[in-house]
C-alpha atoms as a PDB file:
ATOM      1  CA  MET A   1      -8.684 -20.100  33.967  1.00  0.00           C
ATOM      2  CA  LYS A   2      -9.108 -17.224  31.500  1.00  0.00           C
ATOM      3  CA  LYS A   3      -5.619 -15.920  32.338  1.00  0.00           C
ATOM      4  CA  LEU A   4      -4.142 -19.355  31.712  1.00  0.00           C
ATOM      5  CA  ALA A   5      -5.907 -19.652  28.336  1.00  0.00           C
ATOM      6  CA  PHE A   6      -4.720 -16.154  27.318  1.00  0.00           C
ATOM      7  CA  ALA A   7      -1.138 -16.921  28.370  1.00  0.00           C
ATOM      8  CA  LEU A   8      -1.244 -20.196  26.439  1.00  0.00           C
ATOM      9  CA  ALA A   9      -2.613 -18.425  23.330  1.00  0.00           C
ATOM     10  CA  LEU A  10       0.173 -15.834  23.481  1.00  0.00           C
ATOM     11  CA  GLY A  11       2.762 -18.558  23.884  1.00  0.00           C
ATOM     12  CA  LEU A  12       1.479 -20.515  20.878  1.00  0.00           C
ATOM     13  CA  THR A  13       1.374 -17.485  18.603  1.00  0.00           C
ATOM     14  CA  GLY A  14       4.746 -16.123  19.671  1.00  0.00           C
ATOM     15  CA  GLY A  15       3.241 -13.225  21.615  1.00  0.00           C
ATOM     16  CA  PRO A  16       1.449 -10.113  20.464  1.00  0.00           C
ATOM     17  CA  VAL A  17       2.263  -8.771  17.017  1.00  0.00           C
ATOM     18  CA  LEU A  18       3.286  -5.104  16.897  1.00  0.00           C
ATOM     19  CA  ALA A  19       4.034  -2.728  14.045  1.00  0.00           C
ATOM     20  CA  ALA A  20       7.763  -2.038  13.719  1.00  0.00           C
ATOM     21  CA  PRO A  21       8.742   1.335  12.272  1.00  0.00           C
ATOM     22  CA  LEU A  22      11.927   1.561  10.185  1.00  0.00           C
ATOM     23  CA  CYS A  23      13.719   3.752  12.770  1.00  0.00           C
ATOM     24  CA  ASP A  24      13.799   4.272  16.529  1.00  0.00           C
ATOM     25  CA  ASP A  25      13.965   8.076  16.745  1.00  0.00           C
ATOM     26  CA  LEU A  26      10.630   9.121  15.242  1.00  0.00           C
ATOM     27  CA  GLY A  27      10.509  12.496  16.982  1.00  0.00           C
ATOM     28  CA  PHE A  28       7.616  14.942  16.725  1.00  0.00           C
ATOM     29  CA  ALA A  29       6.468  13.671  13.299  1.00  0.00           C
ATOM     30  CA  GLY A  30       5.843  10.168  14.646  1.00  0.00           C
ATOM     31  CA  LEU A  31       5.332   7.517  11.961  1.00  0.00           C
ATOM     32  CA  LEU A  32       5.530  10.217   9.254  1.00  0.00           C
ATOM     33  CA  ALA A  33       9.186  10.950  10.168  1.00  0.00           C
ATOM     34  CA  ARG A  34      11.688  10.991   7.307  1.00  0.00           C
ATOM     35  CA  CYS A  35      13.684   8.113   8.834  1.00  0.00           C
ATOM     36  CA  ASN A  36      10.561   5.894   8.728  1.00  0.00           C
ATOM     37  CA  ARG A  37      10.051   6.130   4.955  1.00  0.00           C
ATOM     38  CA  GLY A  38      10.370   3.101   2.730  1.00  0.00           C
ATOM     39  CA  GLU A  39      11.221   3.062  -0.967  1.00  0.00           C
ATOM     40  CA  PRO A  40       8.515   4.477  -3.281  1.00  0.00           C
ATOM     41  CA  VAL A  41       6.477   2.000  -5.334  1.00  0.00           C
ATOM     42  CA  GLU A  42       6.050   2.958  -9.009  1.00  0.00           C
ATOM     43  CA  LEU A  43       3.074   1.683 -11.053  1.00  0.00           C
ATOM     44  CA  THR A  44       2.441   2.435 -14.734  1.00  0.00           C
ATOM     45  CA  LEU A  45      -0.995   2.105 -16.273  1.00  0.00           C
ATOM     46  CA  ALA A  46      -0.563   1.708 -20.017  1.00  0.00           C
ATOM     47  CA  SER A  47      -2.425  -0.406 -22.541  1.00  0.00           C
ATOM     48  CA  GLY A  48      -0.549  -3.682 -23.103  1.00  0.00           C
ATOM     49  CA  GLN A  49       2.294  -2.800 -20.701  1.00  0.00           C
ATOM     50  CA  PRO A  50       3.120  -4.386 -17.331  1.00  0.00           C
ATOM     51  CA  LEU A  51       1.655  -2.607 -14.315  1.00  0.00           C
ATOM     52  CA  PHE A  52       4.788  -3.113 -12.207  1.00  0.00           C
ATOM     53  CA  ALA A  53       8.330  -3.667 -13.496  1.00  0.00           C
ATOM     54  CA  GLY A  54       9.959  -4.918 -10.283  1.00  0.00           C
ATOM     55  CA  GLU A  55      10.073  -8.166  -8.352  1.00  0.00           C
ATOM     56  CA  GLN A  56       6.879  -9.349  -6.700  1.00  0.00           C
ATOM     57  CA  PRO A  57       5.533  -9.351  -4.108  1.00  0.00           C
ATOM     58  CA  VAL A  58       6.467  -5.808  -3.116  1.00  0.00           C
ATOM     59  CA  GLU A  59       7.551  -6.085   0.536  1.00  0.00           C
ATOM     60  CA  LEU A  60       6.330  -3.387   2.946  1.00  0.00           C
ATOM     61  CA  GLN A  61       6.973  -3.104   6.677  1.00  0.00           C
ATOM     62  CA  SER A  62       3.965  -2.633   8.943  1.00  0.00           C
ATOM     63  CA  GLY A  63       4.272   0.723  10.691  1.00  0.00           C
ATOM     64  CA  ALA A  64       6.403   2.311   7.945  1.00  0.00           C
ATOM     65  CA  TYR A  65       5.508   5.236   5.654  1.00  0.00           C
ATOM     66  CA  TYR A  66       5.386   4.670   1.875  1.00  0.00           C
ATOM     67  CA  VAL A  67       4.491   6.461  -1.335  1.00  0.00           C
ATOM     68  CA  LEU A  68       2.690   4.747  -4.213  1.00  0.00           C
ATOM     69  CA  ASN A  69       3.154   6.655  -7.492  1.00  0.00           C
ATOM     70  CA  MET A  70       0.676   5.743 -10.237  1.00  0.00           C
ATOM     71  CA  THR A  71       1.221   7.072 -13.743  1.00  0.00           C
ATOM     72  CA  ALA A  72      -1.174   6.591 -16.679  1.00  0.00           C
ATOM     73  CA  ASP A  73       0.008   7.286 -20.211  1.00  0.00           C
ATOM     74  CA  GLY A  74      -3.508   7.930 -21.564  1.00  0.00           C
ATOM     75  CA  SER A  75      -3.389   5.061 -24.079  1.00  0.00           C
ATOM     76  CA  ALA A  76      -6.620   3.667 -22.611  1.00  0.00           C
ATOM     77  CA  GLU A  77      -9.132   4.399 -19.868  1.00  0.00           C
ATOM     78  CA  LEU A  78      -7.724   2.258 -17.052  1.00  0.00           C
ATOM     79  CA  ALA A  79      -8.526   1.769 -13.382  1.00  0.00           C
ATOM     80  CA  LEU A  80      -6.668   0.241 -10.482  1.00  0.00           C
ATOM     81  CA  VAL A  81      -8.654  -1.699  -7.869  1.00  0.00           C
ATOM     82  CA  GLY A  82      -7.580  -3.204  -4.568  1.00  0.00           C
ATOM     83  CA  PRO A  83     -10.105  -2.671  -1.789  1.00  0.00           C
ATOM     84  CA  GLU A  84      -8.410  -5.173   0.533  1.00  0.00           C
ATOM     85  CA  PHE A  85      -5.074  -3.343   0.212  1.00  0.00           C
ATOM     86  CA  PHE A  86      -6.649   0.086   0.649  1.00  0.00           C
ATOM     87  CA  ARG A  87      -8.294  -1.115   3.876  1.00  0.00           C
ATOM     88  CA  ALA A  88      -4.982  -2.501   5.203  1.00  0.00           C
ATOM     89  CA  ILE A  89      -3.287   0.923   5.151  1.00  0.00           C
ATOM     90  CA  TRP A  90      -3.781   4.333   6.741  1.00  0.00           C
ATOM     91  CA  ILE A  91      -3.997   6.897   3.942  1.00  0.00           C
ATOM     92  CA  ASN A  92      -2.125  10.125   4.632  1.00  0.00           C
ATOM     93  CA  GLU A  93      -3.060  11.866   1.377  1.00  0.00           C
ATOM     94  CA  VAL A  94      -3.858  11.376  -2.287  1.00  0.00           C
ATOM     95  CA  VAL A  95      -2.319  14.000  -4.582  1.00  0.00           C
ATOM     96  CA  ILE A  96      -3.828  14.531  -8.047  1.00  0.00           C
ATOM     97  CA  ASN A  97      -2.534  17.433 -10.168  1.00  0.00           C
ATOM     98  CA  ASP A  98      -1.078  19.138  -7.074  1.00  0.00           C
ATOM     99  CA  ILE A  99      -4.430  18.903  -5.279  1.00  0.00           C
ATOM    100  CA  GLU A 100      -4.141  17.148  -1.918  1.00  0.00           C
ATOM    101  CA  ILE A 101      -7.048  14.943  -0.864  1.00  0.00           C
ATOM    102  CA  ARG A 102      -7.356  13.587   2.688  1.00  0.00           C
ATOM    103  CA  ALA A 103      -9.409  10.472   2.018  1.00  0.00           C
ATOM    104  CA  MET A 104     -10.792   8.180   4.709  1.00  0.00           C
ATOM    105  CA  ALA A 105     -10.831   5.195   2.338  1.00  0.00           C
ATOM    106  CA  LEU A 106     -10.422   4.177  -1.290  1.00  0.00           C
ATOM    107  CA  ASP A 107     -11.747   1.305  -3.356  1.00  0.00           C
ATOM    108  CA  SER A 108     -10.265   2.132  -6.741  1.00  0.00           C
ATOM    109  CA  ILE A 109      -8.650   4.867  -8.820  1.00  0.00           C
ATOM    110  CA  GLU A 110      -9.569   5.392 -12.479  1.00  0.00           C
ATOM    111  CA  PHE A 111      -7.633   7.303 -15.115  1.00  0.00           C
ATOM    112  CA  ASP A 112      -9.721   8.650 -18.002  1.00  0.00           C
ATOM    113  CA  ALA A 113      -6.674  10.376 -19.508  1.00  0.00           C
ATOM    114  CA  ALA A 114      -2.933  10.640 -18.928  1.00  0.00           C
ATOM    115  CA  GLY A 115      -2.023  11.706 -15.414  1.00  0.00           C
ATOM    116  CA  GLN A 116      -0.366  10.953 -12.122  1.00  0.00           C
ATOM    117  CA  VAL A 117      -1.605  10.085  -8.646  1.00  0.00           C
ATOM    118  CA  ARG A 118       0.598  10.030  -5.562  1.00  0.00           C
ATOM    119  CA  LEU A 119      -0.731   8.069  -2.585  1.00  0.00           C
ATOM    120  CA  SER A 120       1.170   8.375   0.706  1.00  0.00           C
ATOM    121  CA  PHE A 121       0.302   5.926   3.457  1.00  0.00           C
ATOM    122  CA  ILE A 122       1.348   3.926   6.499  1.00  0.00           C
ATOM    123  CA  ALA A 123       1.243   0.138   6.003  1.00  0.00           C
ATOM    124  CA  ILE A 124      -0.812  -1.296   8.871  1.00  0.00           C
ATOM    125  CA  LYS A 125      -2.369  -4.761   8.553  1.00  0.00           C
ATOM    126  CA  PRO A 126       0.030  -7.626   7.718  1.00  0.00           C
ATOM    127  CA  GLY A 127      -0.969  -9.831   4.803  1.00  0.00           C
ATOM    128  CA  THR A 128      -0.626 -10.237   1.043  1.00  0.00           C
ATOM    129  CA  TYR A 129      -2.773  -7.981  -1.122  1.00  0.00           C
ATOM    130  CA  GLU A 130      -3.296  -7.318  -4.814  1.00  0.00           C
ATOM    131  CA  LEU A 131      -3.736  -4.185  -6.895  1.00  0.00           C
ATOM    132  CA  ARG A 132      -4.986  -4.939 -10.408  1.00  0.00           C
ATOM    133  CA  ILE A 133      -6.540  -3.530 -13.507  1.00  0.00           C
ATOM    134  CA  PRO A 134     -10.151  -4.807 -13.498  1.00  0.00           C
ATOM    135  CA  GLY A 135     -11.325  -7.026 -16.332  1.00  0.00           C
ATOM    136  CA  THR A 136      -7.839  -8.371 -17.056  1.00  0.00           C
ATOM    137  CA  THR A 137      -6.434 -11.830 -16.381  1.00  0.00           C
ATOM    138  CA  SER A 138      -2.737 -11.363 -17.159  1.00  0.00           C
ATOM    139  CA  ASP A 139      -0.215 -11.460 -14.311  1.00  0.00           C
ATOM    140  CA  ASN A 140       1.343  -8.353 -15.893  1.00  0.00           C
ATOM    141  CA  GLN A 141      -1.802  -6.389 -15.053  1.00  0.00           C
ATOM    142  CA  ARG A 142      -1.547  -6.921 -11.290  1.00  0.00           C
ATOM    143  CA  VAL A 143       0.933  -6.340  -8.502  1.00  0.00           C
ATOM    144  CA  GLN A 144       1.128  -8.255  -5.242  1.00  0.00           C
ATOM    145  CA  ILE A 145       1.964  -6.308  -2.107  1.00  0.00           C
ATOM    146  CA  ALA A 146       2.964  -8.044   1.121  1.00  0.00           C
ATOM    147  CA  ILE A 147       2.813  -6.143   4.401  1.00  0.00           C
ATOM    148  CA  ARG A 148       5.039  -7.816   7.025  1.00  0.00           C
END
Protein backbone atom coordinates (compact mmCIF):
# COMPACT_ATOMS: atom_id res chain seq x y z
CA MET A 1 0.00 0.00 0.00
CA LYS A 2 2.87 2.38 0.79
CA LYS A 3 4.44 1.71 -2.62
CA LEU A 4 1.14 2.50 -4.33
CA ALA A 5 0.76 5.77 -2.40
CA PHE A 6 4.36 6.78 -3.24
CA ALA A 7 3.87 5.95 -6.93
CA LEU A 8 0.63 7.94 -6.97
CA ALA A 9 2.33 10.93 -5.28
CA LEU A 10 5.14 10.88 -7.86
CA GLY A 11 2.62 10.69 -10.67
CA LEU A 12 0.62 13.66 -9.37
CA THR A 13 3.67 15.86 -8.90
CA GLY A 14 5.28 14.95 -12.21
CA GLY A 15 8.01 12.87 -10.60
CA PRO A 16 10.99 13.84 -8.50
CA VAL A 17 12.45 17.30 -9.00
CA LEU A 18 16.19 17.40 -9.72
CA ALA A 19 18.67 20.24 -10.11
CA ALA A 20 19.66 20.76 -13.75
CA PRO A 21 23.12 22.19 -14.37
CA LEU A 22 23.64 24.45 -17.40
CA CYS A 23 25.92 21.93 -19.16
CA ASP A 24 26.38 18.17 -19.42
CA ASP A 25 30.19 17.88 -19.30
CA LEU A 26 30.99 19.17 -15.81
CA GLY A 27 34.31 17.35 -15.53
CA PHE A 28 36.52 17.39 -12.44
CA ALA A 29 35.22 20.77 -11.20
CA GLY A 30 31.66 19.47 -10.93
CA LEU A 31 29.02 22.17 -10.47
CA LEU A 32 31.77 24.83 -10.30
CA ALA A 33 32.78 24.11 -13.93
CA ARG A 34 33.07 27.11 -16.25
CA CYS A 35 30.33 25.76 -18.55
CA ASN A 36 27.87 25.74 -15.61
CA ARG A 37 28.13 29.47 -14.86
CA GLY A 38 25.18 31.77 -15.29
CA GLU A 39 25.27 35.51 -15.92
CA PRO A 40 26.50 37.63 -12.98
CA VAL A 41 23.90 39.62 -11.03
CA GLU A 42 24.89 43.24 -10.31
CA LEU A 43 23.41 45.14 -7.33
CA THR A 44 24.17 48.76 -6.42
CA LEU A 45 23.60 50.11 -2.94
CA ALA A 46 23.30 53.88 -3.18
CA SER A 47 21.09 56.34 -1.34
CA GLY A 48 17.98 57.08 -3.43
CA GLN A 49 19.05 54.82 -6.34
CA PRO A 50 17.48 51.54 -7.48
CA LEU A 51 19.08 48.41 -6.06
CA PHE A 52 18.79 46.49 -9.34
CA ALA A 53 18.54 48.00 -12.84
CA GLY A 54 17.37 44.91 -14.74
CA GLU A 55 14.11 43.06 -15.23
CA GLN A 56 12.65 41.25 -12.24
CA PRO A 57 12.50 38.59 -11.05
CA VAL A 58 16.08 37.58 -11.76
CA GLU A 59 15.83 34.00 -13.08
CA LEU A 60 18.38 31.46 -11.79
CA GLN A 61 18.65 27.77 -12.63
CA SER A 62 18.84 25.33 -9.73
CA GLY A 63 22.18 23.53 -9.88
CA ALA A 64 23.98 26.36 -11.71
CA TYR A 65 26.87 28.53 -10.46
CA TYR A 66 26.36 32.31 -10.15
CA VAL A 67 28.12 35.42 -8.93
CA LEU A 68 26.32 38.22 -7.11
CA ASN A 69 28.31 41.48 -7.23
CA MET A 70 27.25 44.10 -4.67
CA THR A 71 28.68 47.60 -4.90
CA ALA A 72 28.06 50.41 -2.38
CA ASP A 73 28.91 53.98 -3.29
CA GLY A 74 29.29 55.12 0.34
CA SER A 75 26.48 57.70 0.14
CA ALA A 76 24.81 56.08 3.16
CA GLU A 77 25.29 53.18 5.55
CA LEU A 78 23.22 50.49 3.82
CA ALA A 79 22.61 46.80 4.36
CA LEU A 80 21.19 44.04 2.22
CA VAL A 81 19.05 41.36 3.89
CA GLY A 82 17.58 38.16 2.51
CA PRO A 83 17.86 35.23 4.90
CA GLU A 84 15.46 33.06 2.88
CA PHE A 85 17.56 33.54 -0.28
CA PHE A 86 20.85 32.94 1.53
CA ARG A 87 19.46 29.65 2.88
CA ALA A 88 18.32 28.54 -0.60
CA ILE A 89 21.87 28.62 -2.01
CA TRP A 90 25.20 26.93 -1.35
CA ILE A 91 27.79 29.66 -0.76
CA ASN A 92 31.15 29.00 -2.41
CA GLU A 93 32.86 32.16 -1.15
CA VAL A 94 32.37 35.78 -0.18
CA VAL A 95 35.15 38.11 -1.37
CA ILE A 96 35.62 41.47 0.38
CA ASN A 97 38.65 43.59 -0.56
CA ASP A 98 40.41 40.55 -2.05
CA ILE A 99 39.88 38.57 1.16
CA GLU A 100 38.09 35.27 0.53
CA ILE A 101 35.65 34.10 3.19
CA ARG A 102 34.21 30.57 3.18
CA ALA A 103 30.95 31.19 5.02
CA MET A 104 28.51 28.47 6.05
CA ALA A 105 25.57 30.90 6.00
CA LEU A 106 24.65 34.57 5.72
CA ASP A 107 21.72 36.61 6.94
CA SER A 108 22.72 40.06 5.73
CA ILE A 109 25.61 42.17 4.46
CA GLU A 110 26.12 45.76 5.63
CA PHE A 111 28.23 48.46 4.01
CA ASP A 112 29.45 51.19 6.37
CA ALA A 113 31.44 52.83 3.56
CA ALA A 114 31.99 52.46 -0.18
CA GLY A 115 33.07 48.98 -1.21
CA GLN A 116 32.40 45.81 -3.11
CA VAL A 117 31.37 42.29 -2.15
CA ARG A 118 31.44 39.34 -4.53
CA LEU A 119 29.33 36.33 -3.54
CA SER A 120 29.73 33.15 -5.60
CA PHE A 121 27.17 30.41 -5.09
CA ILE A 122 25.21 27.47 -6.47
CA ALA A 123 21.44 28.04 -6.63
CA ILE A 124 19.80 25.09 -4.87
CA LYS A 125 16.22 25.40 -3.58
CA PRO A 126 13.57 26.43 -6.14
CA GLY A 127 11.35 29.33 -5.15
CA THR A 128 11.03 33.11 -5.30
CA TYR A 129 13.15 35.10 -2.86
CA GLU A 130 13.83 38.74 -2.07
CA LEU A 131 16.95 40.73 -1.26
CA ARG A 132 16.16 44.18 0.13
CA ILE A 133 17.49 47.15 1.97
CA PRO A 134 15.93 46.96 5.47
CA GLY A 135 13.67 49.77 6.63
CA THR A 136 12.62 50.72 3.09
CA THR A 137 9.28 50.20 1.38
CA SER A 138 10.05 51.18 -2.21
CA ASP A 139 10.11 48.49 -4.90
CA ASN A 140 13.35 50.09 -6.11
CA GLN A 141 15.05 49.03 -2.88
CA ARG A 142 14.47 45.30 -3.39
CA VAL A 143 15.20 42.64 -5.98
CA GLN A 144 13.25 39.44 -6.52
CA ILE A 145 15.21 36.32 -7.38
CA ALA A 146 13.50 33.19 -8.70
CA ILE A 147 15.33 29.87 -8.60
CA ARG A 148 13.80 27.41 -11.10
